[in-house]
Amino acid sequence: MDNKIDLGPVYLRPITMEDTRRIVDWRNSDRVKRNFIYQKPFTERGHRIWMETKVATGEVVQFILCETKGDRPVGSVYFRDIDRENNKAEYGIFIGEADAAGKGYGTLAAKGAVCYAEKTLKLHKLMLRVFADNTAAVKSYEKAGFIKEAYLKDEIKEGDGYRDVILMACCFPENG
C-alpha cells in the first residue's frame, strides 16, 4: 500500500493517522452521515482505535481519495471485514467534501476499488450495502461493475422509520 493508485482526476493513497481529524469531520457531517449505514457520532478516539485494531492489523484496508490537481483530500474508500477464508470483503466509500460530490469521483474510486480487490487483494467477491434511496450511489456502483444481489426491506432503523438497503457485489471467478 505504499504507492498511490492513479485514477486520472483523482487518486487513492493509503490512510494515515494524520487523516483522523478530517475523517471525523467528514463522517459527522449530515450529508455523509445520511447515506452511511453506521450513523452514530464518530470520534477521534474511535477512529484511532479503528486505525490501530483494524487498519494496522490488515482486517481493513483504507485509502484517502484525493484530487490529482492540488492533492486535496476529498473522501475515503475502504475494504472491511476482509475474510481470507472465503476470499471476500465489504467495500465502502464516502465523498467528504461537499463540492467534490457529483463530479464522478465516486464512480472512479469504485472502479479503482474493484480493480484493487481483484488484482491486489485477490478476492473472489467484493460486496457493499447501500441505502435503496441513494440512487446516485447505486448507479455509480453499477457503472463500476457491481450487480444487485438482494433488496432488504426496512433494514436500518432511522428515527421513527426504517430504510431499505440493497446488497450489491462483484465476483471475480478467476480468484477462486
N, C-alpha and C. Protein backbone atom coordinates (compact mmCIF):
# COMPACT_ATOMS: atom_id res chain seq x y z
N MET A 1 0.81 -1.19 0.00
CA MET A 1 0.00 0.00 0.00
C MET A 1 0.85 1.26 0.00
N ASP A 2 2.10 1.18 -0.39
CA ASP A 2 2.99 2.33 -0.34
C ASP A 2 2.70 3.33 -1.45
N ASN A 3 2.20 2.88 -2.56
CA ASN A 3 2.02 3.76 -3.71
C ASN A 3 0.58 4.20 -3.85
N LYS A 4 0.41 5.34 -4.49
CA LYS A 4 -0.94 5.80 -4.76
C LYS A 4 -1.49 5.08 -5.98
N ILE A 5 -2.80 5.01 -6.05
CA ILE A 5 -3.49 4.40 -7.17
C ILE A 5 -4.06 5.53 -8.01
N ASP A 6 -3.51 5.70 -9.21
CA ASP A 6 -3.88 6.81 -10.09
C ASP A 6 -5.18 6.48 -10.82
N LEU A 7 -6.16 7.37 -10.69
CA LEU A 7 -7.45 7.19 -11.34
C LEU A 7 -7.79 8.38 -12.25
N GLY A 8 -6.75 9.07 -12.72
CA GLY A 8 -6.97 10.24 -13.59
C GLY A 8 -7.12 11.51 -12.76
N PRO A 9 -8.34 12.07 -12.71
CA PRO A 9 -8.54 13.31 -11.96
C PRO A 9 -8.46 13.14 -10.44
N VAL A 10 -8.48 11.90 -10.00
CA VAL A 10 -8.33 11.60 -8.57
C VAL A 10 -7.37 10.43 -8.40
N TYR A 11 -6.91 10.25 -7.17
CA TYR A 11 -6.09 9.09 -6.85
C TYR A 11 -6.39 8.64 -5.43
N LEU A 12 -6.02 7.41 -5.14
CA LEU A 12 -6.16 6.85 -3.80
C LEU A 12 -4.77 6.74 -3.19
N ARG A 13 -4.66 7.17 -1.94
CA ARG A 13 -3.41 7.00 -1.20
C ARG A 13 -3.75 6.34 0.13
N PRO A 14 -2.81 5.62 0.72
CA PRO A 14 -3.07 4.97 2.00
C PRO A 14 -3.45 5.99 3.08
N ILE A 15 -4.39 5.62 3.92
CA ILE A 15 -4.78 6.47 5.04
C ILE A 15 -3.66 6.49 6.08
N THR A 16 -3.53 7.59 6.80
CA THR A 16 -2.57 7.70 7.90
C THR A 16 -3.28 8.27 9.12
N MET A 17 -2.63 8.20 10.26
CA MET A 17 -3.18 8.78 11.49
C MET A 17 -3.42 10.28 11.32
N GLU A 18 -2.62 10.92 10.48
CA GLU A 18 -2.77 12.36 10.26
C GLU A 18 -4.11 12.71 9.61
N ASP A 19 -4.79 11.72 9.05
CA ASP A 19 -6.09 11.95 8.42
C ASP A 19 -7.25 11.90 9.42
N THR A 20 -6.96 11.61 10.68
CA THR A 20 -8.00 11.39 11.68
C THR A 20 -9.00 12.54 11.78
N ARG A 21 -8.53 13.75 11.99
CA ARG A 21 -9.44 14.90 12.17
C ARG A 21 -10.35 15.06 10.95
N ARG A 22 -9.77 14.94 9.78
CA ARG A 22 -10.54 15.09 8.54
C ARG A 22 -11.61 14.00 8.43
N ILE A 23 -11.24 12.76 8.71
CA ILE A 23 -12.20 11.65 8.65
C ILE A 23 -13.35 11.89 9.62
N VAL A 24 -13.03 12.28 10.85
CA VAL A 24 -14.05 12.54 11.86
C VAL A 24 -15.00 13.65 11.40
N ASP A 25 -14.44 14.73 10.89
CA ASP A 25 -15.28 15.84 10.40
C ASP A 25 -16.18 15.38 9.27
N TRP A 26 -15.62 14.66 8.31
CA TRP A 26 -16.43 14.17 7.19
C TRP A 26 -17.54 13.25 7.66
N ARG A 27 -17.18 12.26 8.48
CA ARG A 27 -18.16 11.26 8.92
C ARG A 27 -19.28 11.85 9.76
N ASN A 28 -19.00 12.95 10.45
CA ASN A 28 -20.02 13.58 11.28
C ASN A 28 -20.86 14.61 10.53
N SER A 29 -20.51 14.89 9.29
CA SER A 29 -21.32 15.84 8.52
C SER A 29 -22.66 15.18 8.18
N ASP A 30 -23.71 15.98 8.21
CA ASP A 30 -25.05 15.45 7.93
C ASP A 30 -25.13 14.80 6.56
N ARG A 31 -24.47 15.39 5.56
CA ARG A 31 -24.53 14.87 4.20
C ARG A 31 -23.95 13.47 4.10
N VAL A 32 -22.81 13.24 4.75
CA VAL A 32 -22.18 11.91 4.72
C VAL A 32 -22.96 10.95 5.60
N LYS A 33 -23.28 11.38 6.80
CA LYS A 33 -23.96 10.50 7.76
C LYS A 33 -25.29 9.99 7.20
N ARG A 34 -25.99 10.82 6.46
CA ARG A 34 -27.30 10.46 5.90
C ARG A 34 -27.22 9.20 5.03
N ASN A 35 -26.13 9.02 4.31
CA ASN A 35 -26.01 7.88 3.39
C ASN A 35 -25.07 6.80 3.88
N PHE A 36 -24.70 6.87 5.14
CA PHE A 36 -23.78 5.89 5.70
C PHE A 36 -24.55 4.92 6.59
N ILE A 37 -24.30 3.63 6.45
CA ILE A 37 -25.02 2.63 7.24
C ILE A 37 -24.80 2.87 8.74
N TYR A 38 -23.55 3.09 9.13
CA TYR A 38 -23.23 3.36 10.54
C TYR A 38 -23.38 4.86 10.76
N GLN A 39 -24.43 5.27 11.47
CA GLN A 39 -24.76 6.68 11.58
C GLN A 39 -24.49 7.30 12.95
N LYS A 40 -23.90 6.55 13.85
CA LYS A 40 -23.61 7.10 15.18
C LYS A 40 -22.48 8.13 15.08
N PRO A 41 -22.42 9.05 16.06
CA PRO A 41 -21.34 10.05 16.05
C PRO A 41 -19.97 9.38 16.04
N PHE A 42 -19.06 9.99 15.32
CA PHE A 42 -17.72 9.48 15.12
C PHE A 42 -16.75 10.33 15.93
N THR A 43 -15.78 9.71 16.60
CA THR A 43 -14.84 10.45 17.44
C THR A 43 -13.40 10.19 17.00
N GLU A 44 -12.51 11.10 17.38
CA GLU A 44 -11.09 10.90 17.09
C GLU A 44 -10.59 9.64 17.79
N ARG A 45 -10.99 9.45 19.03
CA ARG A 45 -10.57 8.26 19.78
C ARG A 45 -11.03 6.99 19.05
N GLY A 46 -12.29 6.97 18.63
CA GLY A 46 -12.83 5.82 17.91
C GLY A 46 -12.09 5.56 16.62
N HIS A 47 -11.74 6.63 15.92
CA HIS A 47 -11.01 6.46 14.66
C HIS A 47 -9.60 5.93 14.92
N ARG A 48 -8.95 6.43 15.95
CA ARG A 48 -7.60 5.93 16.28
C ARG A 48 -7.65 4.45 16.63
N ILE A 49 -8.66 4.05 17.38
CA ILE A 49 -8.83 2.62 17.71
C ILE A 49 -9.04 1.82 16.43
N TRP A 50 -9.87 2.33 15.53
CA TRP A 50 -10.10 1.70 14.21
C TRP A 50 -8.78 1.51 13.48
N MET A 51 -7.97 2.57 13.46
CA MET A 51 -6.67 2.52 12.77
C MET A 51 -5.76 1.47 13.41
N GLU A 52 -5.73 1.42 14.74
CA GLU A 52 -4.83 0.50 15.44
C GLU A 52 -5.29 -0.95 15.41
N THR A 53 -6.60 -1.17 15.51
CA THR A 53 -7.11 -2.54 15.62
C THR A 53 -7.60 -3.13 14.30
N LYS A 54 -7.89 -2.30 13.33
CA LYS A 54 -8.41 -2.79 12.06
C LYS A 54 -7.43 -2.55 10.90
N VAL A 55 -7.06 -1.29 10.69
CA VAL A 55 -6.18 -0.97 9.56
C VAL A 55 -4.78 -1.54 9.78
N ALA A 56 -4.21 -1.31 10.95
CA ALA A 56 -2.84 -1.78 11.23
C ALA A 56 -2.73 -3.30 11.21
N THR A 57 -3.83 -4.01 11.48
CA THR A 57 -3.80 -5.47 11.50
C THR A 57 -4.12 -6.09 10.14
N GLY A 58 -4.54 -5.26 9.18
CA GLY A 58 -4.87 -5.78 7.86
C GLY A 58 -6.31 -6.26 7.72
N GLU A 59 -7.09 -6.15 8.80
CA GLU A 59 -8.50 -6.53 8.72
C GLU A 59 -9.27 -5.54 7.84
N VAL A 60 -8.74 -4.32 7.78
CA VAL A 60 -9.30 -3.26 6.94
C VAL A 60 -8.17 -2.66 6.12
N VAL A 61 -8.46 -2.36 4.86
CA VAL A 61 -7.55 -1.59 4.01
C VAL A 61 -8.30 -0.30 3.69
N GLN A 62 -7.70 0.84 4.00
CA GLN A 62 -8.39 2.11 3.79
C GLN A 62 -7.50 3.10 3.06
N PHE A 63 -8.14 3.85 2.18
CA PHE A 63 -7.46 4.87 1.38
C PHE A 63 -8.14 6.22 1.57
N ILE A 64 -7.39 7.26 1.27
CA ILE A 64 -7.94 8.61 1.16
C ILE A 64 -8.02 8.91 -0.34
N LEU A 65 -9.17 9.41 -0.76
CA LEU A 65 -9.40 9.81 -2.15
C LEU A 65 -9.00 11.28 -2.28
N CYS A 66 -8.08 11.56 -3.19
CA CYS A 66 -7.58 12.93 -3.37
C CYS A 66 -7.75 13.38 -4.81
N GLU A 67 -7.99 14.68 -4.98
CA GLU A 67 -7.98 15.26 -6.32
C GLU A 67 -6.53 15.32 -6.79
N THR A 68 -6.28 14.93 -8.02
CA THR A 68 -4.93 14.94 -8.56
C THR A 68 -4.39 16.37 -8.63
N LYS A 69 -5.21 17.28 -9.10
CA LYS A 69 -4.81 18.69 -9.17
C LYS A 69 -4.92 19.28 -7.77
N GLY A 70 -3.80 19.58 -7.16
CA GLY A 70 -3.78 20.19 -5.84
C GLY A 70 -3.67 19.21 -4.68
N ASP A 71 -3.77 17.92 -4.96
CA ASP A 71 -3.65 16.87 -3.93
C ASP A 71 -4.62 17.05 -2.76
N ARG A 72 -5.79 17.62 -3.02
CA ARG A 72 -6.76 17.85 -1.95
C ARG A 72 -7.51 16.57 -1.61
N PRO A 73 -7.49 16.14 -0.33
CA PRO A 73 -8.30 15.00 0.09
C PRO A 73 -9.78 15.35 -0.01
N VAL A 74 -10.56 14.44 -0.59
CA VAL A 74 -11.99 14.70 -0.76
C VAL A 74 -12.88 13.57 -0.24
N GLY A 75 -12.30 12.44 0.13
CA GLY A 75 -13.12 11.33 0.60
C GLY A 75 -12.28 10.14 1.02
N SER A 76 -12.96 9.02 1.23
CA SER A 76 -12.26 7.82 1.67
C SER A 76 -12.93 6.57 1.09
N VAL A 77 -12.11 5.58 0.87
CA VAL A 77 -12.52 4.27 0.35
C VAL A 77 -11.93 3.23 1.28
N TYR A 78 -12.70 2.18 1.56
CA TYR A 78 -12.16 1.14 2.43
C TYR A 78 -12.71 -0.24 2.07
N PHE A 79 -11.94 -1.23 2.47
CA PHE A 79 -12.33 -2.64 2.38
C PHE A 79 -12.33 -3.15 3.81
N ARG A 80 -13.47 -3.59 4.30
CA ARG A 80 -13.56 -4.04 5.69
C ARG A 80 -14.00 -5.50 5.76
N ASP A 81 -13.85 -6.06 6.94
CA ASP A 81 -14.21 -7.47 7.16
C ASP A 81 -13.57 -8.35 6.09
N ILE A 82 -12.29 -8.12 5.85
CA ILE A 82 -11.57 -8.92 4.86
C ILE A 82 -11.48 -10.35 5.39
N ASP A 83 -12.12 -11.25 4.66
CA ASP A 83 -12.26 -12.64 5.07
C ASP A 83 -11.42 -13.50 4.12
N ARG A 84 -10.23 -13.87 4.57
CA ARG A 84 -9.31 -14.64 3.71
C ARG A 84 -9.78 -16.08 3.51
N GLU A 85 -10.52 -16.62 4.45
CA GLU A 85 -11.02 -17.99 4.31
C GLU A 85 -12.01 -18.09 3.14
N ASN A 86 -12.86 -17.08 3.02
CA ASN A 86 -13.87 -17.07 1.96
C ASN A 86 -13.54 -16.10 0.83
N ASN A 87 -12.37 -15.48 0.89
CA ASN A 87 -11.91 -14.55 -0.16
C ASN A 87 -12.93 -13.47 -0.49
N LYS A 88 -13.42 -12.79 0.55
CA LYS A 88 -14.39 -11.73 0.31
C LYS A 88 -14.16 -10.58 1.28
N ALA A 89 -14.76 -9.43 0.95
CA ALA A 89 -14.69 -8.25 1.80
C ALA A 89 -15.87 -7.34 1.47
N GLU A 90 -16.08 -6.36 2.36
CA GLU A 90 -17.10 -5.35 2.12
C GLU A 90 -16.42 -4.05 1.72
N TYR A 91 -17.00 -3.39 0.73
CA TYR A 91 -16.48 -2.12 0.21
C TYR A 91 -17.31 -0.97 0.76
N GLY A 92 -16.64 0.14 1.04
CA GLY A 92 -17.34 1.35 1.46
C GLY A 92 -16.63 2.58 0.93
N ILE A 93 -17.38 3.63 0.75
CA ILE A 93 -16.83 4.89 0.24
C ILE A 93 -17.67 6.04 0.76
N PHE A 94 -17.04 7.18 0.93
CA PHE A 94 -17.79 8.42 1.11
C PHE A 94 -16.98 9.57 0.53
N ILE A 95 -17.70 10.50 -0.04
CA ILE A 95 -17.10 11.75 -0.51
C ILE A 95 -17.33 12.76 0.61
N GLY A 96 -16.26 13.18 1.25
CA GLY A 96 -16.37 14.04 2.41
C GLY A 96 -16.55 15.51 2.09
N GLU A 97 -15.92 15.97 1.03
CA GLU A 97 -16.01 17.38 0.65
C GLU A 97 -17.24 17.59 -0.22
N ALA A 98 -18.14 18.45 0.24
CA ALA A 98 -19.41 18.66 -0.46
C ALA A 98 -19.21 19.10 -1.91
N ASP A 99 -18.23 19.95 -2.17
CA ASP A 99 -18.03 20.44 -3.54
C ASP A 99 -17.39 19.39 -4.46
N ALA A 100 -16.99 18.26 -3.91
CA ALA A 100 -16.43 17.17 -4.72
C ALA A 100 -17.50 16.15 -5.11
N ALA A 101 -18.67 16.23 -4.47
CA ALA A 101 -19.76 15.31 -4.79
C ALA A 101 -20.34 15.64 -6.16
N GLY A 102 -20.77 14.61 -6.87
CA GLY A 102 -21.40 14.81 -8.17
C GLY A 102 -20.44 15.02 -9.33
N LYS A 103 -19.16 14.84 -9.09
CA LYS A 103 -18.15 15.03 -10.15
C LYS A 103 -17.68 13.72 -10.77
N GLY A 104 -18.26 12.60 -10.34
CA GLY A 104 -17.85 11.31 -10.86
C GLY A 104 -16.69 10.67 -10.11
N TYR A 105 -16.22 11.33 -9.06
CA TYR A 105 -15.11 10.79 -8.29
C TYR A 105 -15.47 9.46 -7.63
N GLY A 106 -16.70 9.35 -7.16
CA GLY A 106 -17.13 8.11 -6.51
C GLY A 106 -17.10 6.94 -7.46
N THR A 107 -17.53 7.18 -8.70
CA THR A 107 -17.50 6.11 -9.71
C THR A 107 -16.07 5.72 -10.04
N LEU A 108 -15.20 6.71 -10.21
CA LEU A 108 -13.79 6.41 -10.48
C LEU A 108 -13.18 5.62 -9.33
N ALA A 109 -13.49 6.03 -8.10
CA ALA A 109 -12.95 5.34 -6.93
C ALA A 109 -13.49 3.91 -6.86
N ALA A 110 -14.77 3.73 -7.16
CA ALA A 110 -15.36 2.39 -7.13
C ALA A 110 -14.72 1.49 -8.19
N LYS A 111 -14.48 2.03 -9.38
CA LYS A 111 -13.81 1.25 -10.43
C LYS A 111 -12.40 0.88 -9.99
N GLY A 112 -11.69 1.82 -9.38
CA GLY A 112 -10.35 1.53 -8.85
C GLY A 112 -10.39 0.50 -7.75
N ALA A 113 -11.42 0.57 -6.91
CA ALA A 113 -11.56 -0.38 -5.81
C ALA A 113 -11.82 -1.79 -6.33
N VAL A 114 -12.65 -1.89 -7.36
CA VAL A 114 -12.94 -3.20 -7.95
C VAL A 114 -11.65 -3.81 -8.49
N CYS A 115 -10.86 -3.02 -9.18
CA CYS A 115 -9.58 -3.50 -9.72
C CYS A 115 -8.64 -3.91 -8.59
N TYR A 116 -8.56 -3.10 -7.55
CA TYR A 116 -7.70 -3.39 -6.40
C TYR A 116 -8.14 -4.69 -5.71
N ALA A 117 -9.45 -4.86 -5.55
CA ALA A 117 -9.98 -6.07 -4.90
C ALA A 117 -9.63 -7.32 -5.71
N GLU A 118 -9.73 -7.20 -7.02
CA GLU A 118 -9.45 -8.34 -7.89
C GLU A 118 -7.96 -8.63 -8.02
N LYS A 119 -7.17 -7.61 -8.32
CA LYS A 119 -5.76 -7.82 -8.65
C LYS A 119 -4.81 -7.83 -7.45
N THR A 120 -5.07 -6.98 -6.46
CA THR A 120 -4.15 -6.87 -5.33
C THR A 120 -4.60 -7.72 -4.14
N LEU A 121 -5.87 -7.55 -3.74
CA LEU A 121 -6.37 -8.36 -2.62
C LEU A 121 -6.70 -9.78 -3.06
N LYS A 122 -6.86 -9.97 -4.37
CA LYS A 122 -7.18 -11.28 -4.96
C LYS A 122 -8.43 -11.89 -4.32
N LEU A 123 -9.46 -11.05 -4.19
CA LEU A 123 -10.72 -11.50 -3.62
C LEU A 123 -11.54 -12.25 -4.66
N HIS A 124 -12.39 -13.12 -4.19
CA HIS A 124 -13.37 -13.78 -5.05
C HIS A 124 -14.63 -12.92 -5.15
N LYS A 125 -14.93 -12.20 -4.04
CA LYS A 125 -16.16 -11.41 -4.01
C LYS A 125 -15.95 -10.13 -3.22
N LEU A 126 -16.46 -9.04 -3.77
CA LEU A 126 -16.48 -7.75 -3.09
C LEU A 126 -17.93 -7.31 -3.02
N MET A 127 -18.42 -7.07 -1.81
CA MET A 127 -19.82 -6.69 -1.66
C MET A 127 -19.93 -5.32 -1.01
N LEU A 128 -21.12 -4.75 -1.11
CA LEU A 128 -21.39 -3.48 -0.45
C LEU A 128 -22.86 -3.42 -0.06
N ARG A 129 -23.14 -2.52 0.87
CA ARG A 129 -24.52 -2.22 1.27
C ARG A 129 -24.75 -0.74 0.96
N VAL A 130 -25.91 -0.45 0.38
CA VAL A 130 -26.24 0.94 0.05
C VAL A 130 -27.73 1.16 0.34
N PHE A 131 -28.05 2.33 0.87
CA PHE A 131 -29.45 2.65 1.07
C PHE A 131 -30.14 2.71 -0.28
N ALA A 132 -31.32 2.09 -0.37
CA ALA A 132 -32.04 1.99 -1.64
C ALA A 132 -32.40 3.36 -2.21
N ASP A 133 -32.60 4.34 -1.34
CA ASP A 133 -32.97 5.67 -1.83
C ASP A 133 -31.76 6.51 -2.27
N ASN A 134 -30.56 5.96 -2.14
CA ASN A 134 -29.35 6.65 -2.60
C ASN A 134 -29.09 6.24 -4.06
N THR A 135 -29.98 6.70 -4.93
CA THR A 135 -29.95 6.25 -6.32
C THR A 135 -28.67 6.64 -7.06
N ALA A 136 -28.09 7.79 -6.72
CA ALA A 136 -26.84 8.18 -7.38
C ALA A 136 -25.74 7.17 -7.07
N ALA A 137 -25.67 6.73 -5.82
CA ALA A 137 -24.65 5.75 -5.44
C ALA A 137 -24.90 4.41 -6.13
N VAL A 138 -26.16 3.98 -6.18
CA VAL A 138 -26.49 2.70 -6.84
C VAL A 138 -26.03 2.74 -8.29
N LYS A 139 -26.33 3.84 -8.99
CA LYS A 139 -25.91 3.97 -10.40
C LYS A 139 -24.39 3.97 -10.53
N SER A 140 -23.73 4.65 -9.61
CA SER A 140 -22.26 4.69 -9.62
C SER A 140 -21.68 3.29 -9.45
N TYR A 141 -22.22 2.54 -8.51
CA TYR A 141 -21.73 1.18 -8.26
C TYR A 141 -21.99 0.28 -9.47
N GLU A 142 -23.14 0.45 -10.11
CA GLU A 142 -23.43 -0.34 -11.31
C GLU A 142 -22.42 -0.03 -12.41
N LYS A 143 -22.07 1.23 -12.58
CA LYS A 143 -21.06 1.62 -13.58
C LYS A 143 -19.71 0.98 -13.29
N ALA A 144 -19.44 0.74 -12.01
CA ALA A 144 -18.16 0.14 -11.60
C ALA A 144 -18.19 -1.39 -11.71
N GLY A 145 -19.35 -1.97 -12.02
CA GLY A 145 -19.43 -3.41 -12.20
C GLY A 145 -20.16 -4.18 -11.12
N PHE A 146 -20.67 -3.50 -10.12
CA PHE A 146 -21.44 -4.18 -9.07
C PHE A 146 -22.84 -4.51 -9.60
N ILE A 147 -23.36 -5.65 -9.15
CA ILE A 147 -24.73 -6.02 -9.50
C ILE A 147 -25.55 -6.16 -8.22
N LYS A 148 -26.85 -5.91 -8.35
CA LYS A 148 -27.74 -6.03 -7.20
C LYS A 148 -27.96 -7.51 -6.90
N GLU A 149 -27.76 -7.88 -5.64
CA GLU A 149 -27.97 -9.27 -5.23
C GLU A 149 -29.19 -9.44 -4.34
N ALA A 150 -29.53 -8.41 -3.57
CA ALA A 150 -30.67 -8.54 -2.65
C ALA A 150 -31.21 -7.16 -2.29
N TYR A 151 -32.50 -7.15 -1.99
CA TYR A 151 -33.17 -5.94 -1.52
C TYR A 151 -33.69 -6.24 -0.12
N LEU A 152 -33.21 -5.50 0.86
CA LEU A 152 -33.58 -5.74 2.25
C LEU A 152 -34.53 -4.64 2.73
N LYS A 153 -35.79 -4.99 2.84
CA LYS A 153 -36.83 -4.04 3.25
C LYS A 153 -36.70 -3.72 4.74
N ASP A 154 -36.88 -2.44 5.09
CA ASP A 154 -36.87 -2.00 6.50
C ASP A 154 -35.66 -2.52 7.26
N GLU A 155 -34.49 -2.39 6.68
CA GLU A 155 -33.26 -2.98 7.25
C GLU A 155 -32.64 -2.14 8.36
N ILE A 156 -32.67 -0.82 8.21
CA ILE A 156 -31.99 0.06 9.17
C ILE A 156 -33.00 1.04 9.77
N LYS A 157 -33.09 1.03 11.10
CA LYS A 157 -33.99 1.96 11.79
C LYS A 157 -33.38 3.35 11.78
N GLU A 158 -34.19 4.31 11.41
CA GLU A 158 -33.75 5.70 11.39
C GLU A 158 -34.91 6.56 11.91
N GLY A 159 -34.71 7.17 13.07
CA GLY A 159 -35.78 7.96 13.67
C GLY A 159 -36.97 7.06 13.98
N ASP A 160 -38.13 7.46 13.49
CA ASP A 160 -39.35 6.67 13.72
C ASP A 160 -39.63 5.69 12.59
N GLY A 161 -38.76 5.65 11.60
CA GLY A 161 -39.00 4.78 10.45
C GLY A 161 -37.83 3.86 10.17
N TYR A 162 -37.91 3.23 9.01
CA TYR A 162 -36.87 2.29 8.58
C TYR A 162 -36.48 2.61 7.15
N ARG A 163 -35.24 2.26 6.82
CA ARG A 163 -34.75 2.45 5.45
C ARG A 163 -34.39 1.11 4.84
N ASP A 164 -34.65 1.00 3.55
CA ASP A 164 -34.32 -0.21 2.80
C ASP A 164 -32.86 -0.17 2.37
N VAL A 165 -32.28 -1.35 2.26
CA VAL A 165 -30.88 -1.49 1.87
C VAL A 165 -30.78 -2.45 0.68
N ILE A 166 -29.90 -2.12 -0.25
CA ILE A 166 -29.61 -3.01 -1.38
C ILE A 166 -28.22 -3.60 -1.16
N LEU A 167 -28.10 -4.91 -1.31
CA LEU A 167 -26.79 -5.57 -1.31
C LEU A 167 -26.34 -5.68 -2.76
N MET A 168 -25.12 -5.26 -3.01
CA MET A 168 -24.54 -5.34 -4.35
C MET A 168 -23.19 -6.03 -4.24
N ALA A 169 -22.76 -6.64 -5.34
CA ALA A 169 -21.47 -7.34 -5.30
C ALA A 169 -20.85 -7.46 -6.68
N CYS A 170 -19.54 -7.68 -6.67
CA CYS A 170 -18.75 -8.05 -7.85
C CYS A 170 -18.09 -9.37 -7.51
N CYS A 171 -18.11 -10.29 -8.44
CA CYS A 171 -17.41 -11.56 -8.24
C CYS A 171 -16.27 -11.67 -9.24
N PHE A 172 -15.21 -12.29 -8.78
CA PHE A 172 -14.01 -12.49 -9.61
C PHE A 172 -13.71 -13.99 -9.62
N PRO A 173 -14.37 -14.75 -10.52
CA PRO A 173 -14.25 -16.21 -10.52
C PRO A 173 -12.81 -16.71 -10.65
N GLU A 174 -11.96 -15.95 -11.35
CA GLU A 174 -10.57 -16.38 -11.53
C GLU A 174 -9.80 -16.42 -10.22
N ASN A 175 -10.33 -15.75 -9.19
CA ASN A 175 -9.67 -15.76 -7.88
C ASN A 175 -10.20 -16.85 -6.97
N GLY A 176 -10.98 -17.78 -7.54
CA GLY A 176 -11.46 -18.95 -6.81
C GLY A 176 -11.87 -18.64 -5.45
